[in-house]
Amino acid sequence: MNLEHERKIANLQERAVNAIIHFGTEQHKSVFAPSEAADIKSVMQEYGETTEQQKAVGEWLCEYAESRKPFDEIKHRHTLGEVGDVAEGAYDWKIEREQRGAKLSL
């Protein structure tokens, strides 16, 4: 890996962890925004090839996020489930729609 790629991944990880913290601590947040899901999915794909590997990366991201700012037990389970949904592709259509929209506005 080159230095530029490492910086990009570190920035992506930070955004993904911040998205998880926001989700896990926001009382009325029930889904990730497409940009948040895209960041989480990108980190998962960087470190895991299969869905199971990506789910493991997602679990690690959740644990790391909670080490920075603890969640209550209900939000903990909900956050893990939602991150698992990102790994399983439940957000893919939202991510793709947002990316297409971003390209159209360029």
C-alpha atoms as a PDB file:
ATOM      1  CA  MET A   1       0.000   0.000   0.000  1.00  0.00           C
ATOM      2  CA  ASN A   2       1.215   3.451  -0.756  1.00  0.00           C
ATOM      3  CA  LEU A   3       1.012   6.330   1.684  1.00  0.00           C
ATOM      4  CA  GLU A   4      -1.809   8.094  -0.176  1.00  0.00           C
ATOM      5  CA  HIS A   5      -3.947   4.939  -0.105  1.00  0.00           C
ATOM      6  CA  GLU A   6      -3.260   4.476   3.613  1.00  0.00           C
ATOM      7  CA  ARG A   7      -4.353   8.068   4.309  1.00  0.00           C
ATOM      8  CA  LYS A   8      -7.514   7.581   2.268  1.00  0.00           C
ATOM      9  CA  ILE A   9      -8.380   4.392   4.174  1.00  0.00           C
ATOM     10  CA  ALA A  10      -7.663   6.024   7.549  1.00  0.00           C
ATOM     11  CA  ASN A  11      -9.964   8.927   6.634  1.00  0.00           C
ATOM     12  CA  LEU A  12     -12.638   6.498   5.469  1.00  0.00           C
ATOM     13  CA  GLN A  13     -12.357   4.499   8.699  1.00  0.00           C
ATOM     14  CA  GLU A  14     -12.719   7.669  10.761  1.00  0.00           C
ATOM     15  CA  ARG A  15     -15.861   8.666   8.844  1.00  0.00           C
ATOM     16  CA  ALA A  16     -17.284   5.140   9.217  1.00  0.00           C
ATOM     17  CA  VAL A  17     -16.628   5.078  12.963  1.00  0.00           C
ATOM     18  CA  ASN A  18     -18.151   8.554  13.364  1.00  0.00           C
ATOM     19  CA  ALA A  19     -21.242   7.410  11.438  1.00  0.00           C
ATOM     20  CA  ILE A  20     -21.589   4.414  13.761  1.00  0.00           C
ATOM     21  CA  ILE A  21     -21.142   6.612  16.845  1.00  0.00           C
ATOM     22  CA  HIS A  22     -23.778   9.013  15.532  1.00  0.00           C
ATOM     23  CA  PHE A  23     -26.158   6.125  14.830  1.00  0.00           C
ATOM     24  CA  GLY A  24     -25.505   4.459  18.182  1.00  0.00           C
ATOM     25  CA  THR A  25     -25.968   7.595  20.256  1.00  0.00           C
ATOM     26  CA  GLU A  26     -28.772   9.357  18.370  1.00  0.00           C
ATOM     27  CA  GLN A  27     -32.064   8.377  19.973  1.00  0.00           C
ATOM     28  CA  HIS A  28     -34.260   8.809  16.897  1.00  0.00           C
ATOM     29  CA  LYS A  29     -31.914   7.540  14.174  1.00  0.00           C
ATOM     30  CA  SER A  30     -33.140   4.236  12.724  1.00  0.00           C
ATOM     31  CA  VAL A  31     -31.147   3.942   9.468  1.00  0.00           C
ATOM     32  CA  PHE A  32     -27.818   5.111   8.092  1.00  0.00           C
ATOM     33  CA  ALA A  33     -27.718   7.906   5.533  1.00  0.00           C
ATOM     34  CA  PRO A  34     -26.521   6.616   2.139  1.00  0.00           C
ATOM     35  CA  SER A  35     -23.175   8.429   2.524  1.00  0.00           C
ATOM     36  CA  GLU A  36     -22.661   6.859   5.966  1.00  0.00           C
ATOM     37  CA  ALA A  37     -23.517   3.402   4.640  1.00  0.00           C
ATOM     38  CA  ALA A  38     -21.132   3.944   1.712  1.00  0.00           C
ATOM     39  CA  ASP A  39     -18.264   4.782   4.074  1.00  0.00           C
ATOM     40  CA  ILE A  40     -18.969   1.726   6.233  1.00  0.00           C
ATOM     41  CA  LYS A  41     -19.314  -0.536   3.179  1.00  0.00           C
ATOM     42  CA  SER A  42     -16.044   0.766   1.704  1.00  0.00           C
ATOM     43  CA  VAL A  43     -14.135  -0.062   4.892  1.00  0.00           C
ATOM     44  CA  MET A  44     -15.749  -3.503   4.999  1.00  0.00           C
ATOM     45  CA  GLN A  45     -14.767  -4.173   1.389  1.00  0.00           C
ATOM     46  CA  GLU A  46     -11.217  -2.968   2.020  1.00  0.00           C
ATOM     47  CA  TYR A  47     -10.645  -5.613   4.692  1.00  0.00           C
ATOM     48  CA  GLY A  48     -13.110  -8.379   3.829  1.00  0.00           C
ATOM     49  CA  GLU A  49     -13.875 -10.210   0.601  1.00  0.00           C
ATOM     50  CA  THR A  50     -16.917 -12.263   1.634  1.00  0.00           C
ATOM     51  CA  THR A  51     -20.084 -11.063   3.317  1.00  0.00           C
ATOM     52  CA  GLU A  52     -19.076 -12.925   6.475  1.00  0.00           C
ATOM     53  CA  GLN A  53     -15.664 -11.255   6.521  1.00  0.00           C
ATOM     54  CA  GLN A  54     -17.299  -7.873   5.926  1.00  0.00           C
ATOM     55  CA  LYS A  55     -19.714  -8.503   8.802  1.00  0.00           C
ATOM     56  CA  ALA A  56     -16.716  -9.264  11.036  1.00  0.00           C
ATOM     57  CA  VAL A  57     -15.126  -5.960   9.976  1.00  0.00           C
ATOM     58  CA  GLY A  58     -18.433  -4.241  10.756  1.00  0.00           C
ATOM     59  CA  GLU A  59     -18.536  -5.808  14.206  1.00  0.00           C
ATOM     60  CA  TRP A  60     -15.000  -4.567  14.839  1.00  0.00           C
ATOM     61  CA  LEU A  61     -15.998  -1.064  13.686  1.00  0.00           C
ATOM     62  CA  CYS A  62     -18.947  -1.149  16.111  1.00  0.00           C
ATOM     63  CA  GLU A  63     -16.744  -2.296  18.991  1.00  0.00           C
ATOM     64  CA  TYR A  64     -14.224   0.425  18.233  1.00  0.00           C
ATOM     65  CA  ALA A  65     -16.968   3.062  17.973  1.00  0.00           C
ATOM     66  CA  GLU A  66     -18.400   1.935  21.313  1.00  0.00           C
ATOM     67  CA  SER A  67     -14.964   2.118  22.925  1.00  0.00           C
ATOM     68  CA  ARG A  68     -14.938   5.800  21.976  1.00  0.00           C
ATOM     69  CA  LYS A  69     -18.538   6.512  23.010  1.00  0.00           C
ATOM     70  CA  PRO A  70     -20.626   3.782  24.706  1.00  0.00           C
ATOM     71  CA  PHE A  71     -24.165   2.952  23.514  1.00  0.00           C
ATOM     72  CA  ASP A  72     -26.994   1.547  25.592  1.00  0.00           C
ATOM     73  CA  GLU A  73     -27.769  -2.173  25.121  1.00  0.00           C
ATOM     74  CA  ILE A  74     -30.758  -1.644  22.817  1.00  0.00           C
ATOM     75  CA  LYS A  75     -28.850   0.741  20.534  1.00  0.00           C
ATOM     76  CA  HIS A  76     -25.874  -1.647  20.649  1.00  0.00           C
ATOM     77  CA  ARG A  77     -27.970  -4.483  19.189  1.00  0.00           C
ATOM     78  CA  HIS A  78     -29.713  -2.181  16.717  1.00  0.00           C
ATOM     79  CA  THR A  79     -26.397  -0.731  15.540  1.00  0.00           C
ATOM     80  CA  LEU A  80     -24.839  -4.184  15.066  1.00  0.00           C
ATOM     81  CA  GLY A  81     -27.911  -5.266  13.105  1.00  0.00           C
ATOM     82  CA  GLU A  82     -27.872  -2.214  10.883  1.00  0.00           C
ATOM     83  CA  VAL A  83     -24.130  -2.543  10.201  1.00  0.00           C
ATOM     84  CA  GLY A  84     -24.795  -6.197   9.347  1.00  0.00           C
ATOM     85  CA  ASP A  85     -27.455  -5.020   6.893  1.00  0.00           C
ATOM     86  CA  VAL A  86     -24.834  -2.812   5.226  1.00  0.00           C
ATOM     87  CA  ALA A  87     -22.573  -5.869   4.826  1.00  0.00           C
ATOM     88  CA  GLU A  88     -25.439  -7.936   3.407  1.00  0.00           C
ATOM     89  CA  GLY A  89     -26.242  -5.337   0.756  1.00  0.00           C
ATOM     90  CA  ALA A  90     -29.462  -3.883   2.173  1.00  0.00           C
ATOM     91  CA  TYR A  91     -28.123  -0.354   1.602  1.00  0.00           C
ATOM     92  CA  ASP A  92     -26.567  -0.981  -1.809  1.00  0.00           C
ATOM     93  CA  TRP A  93     -29.462   0.535  -3.755  1.00  0.00           C
ATOM     94  CA  LYS A  94     -29.378   3.699  -1.609  1.00  0.00           C
ATOM     95  CA  ILE A  95     -25.612   3.997  -2.031  1.00  0.00           C
ATOM     96  CA  GLU A  96     -25.856   3.510  -5.808  1.00  0.00           C
ATOM     97  CA  ARG A  97     -28.709   6.012  -6.112  1.00  0.00           C
ATOM     98  CA  GLU A  98     -26.744   8.650  -4.194  1.00  0.00           C
ATOM     99  CA  GLN A  99     -23.600   8.014  -6.249  1.00  0.00           C
ATOM    100  CA  ARG A 100     -25.573   8.325  -9.501  1.00  0.00           C
ATOM    101  CA  GLY A 101     -27.092  11.563  -8.230  1.00  0.00           C
ATOM    102  CA  ALA A 102     -23.663  12.917  -7.344  1.00  0.00           C
ATOM    103  CA  LYS A 103     -22.378  12.119 -10.841  1.00  0.00           C
ATOM    104  CA  LEU A 104     -25.368  13.834 -12.444  1.00  0.00           C
ATOM    105  CA  SER A 105     -24.750  17.021 -10.481  1.00  0.00           C
ATOM    106  CA  LEU A 106     -21.100  17.275 -11.569  1.00  0.00           C
END
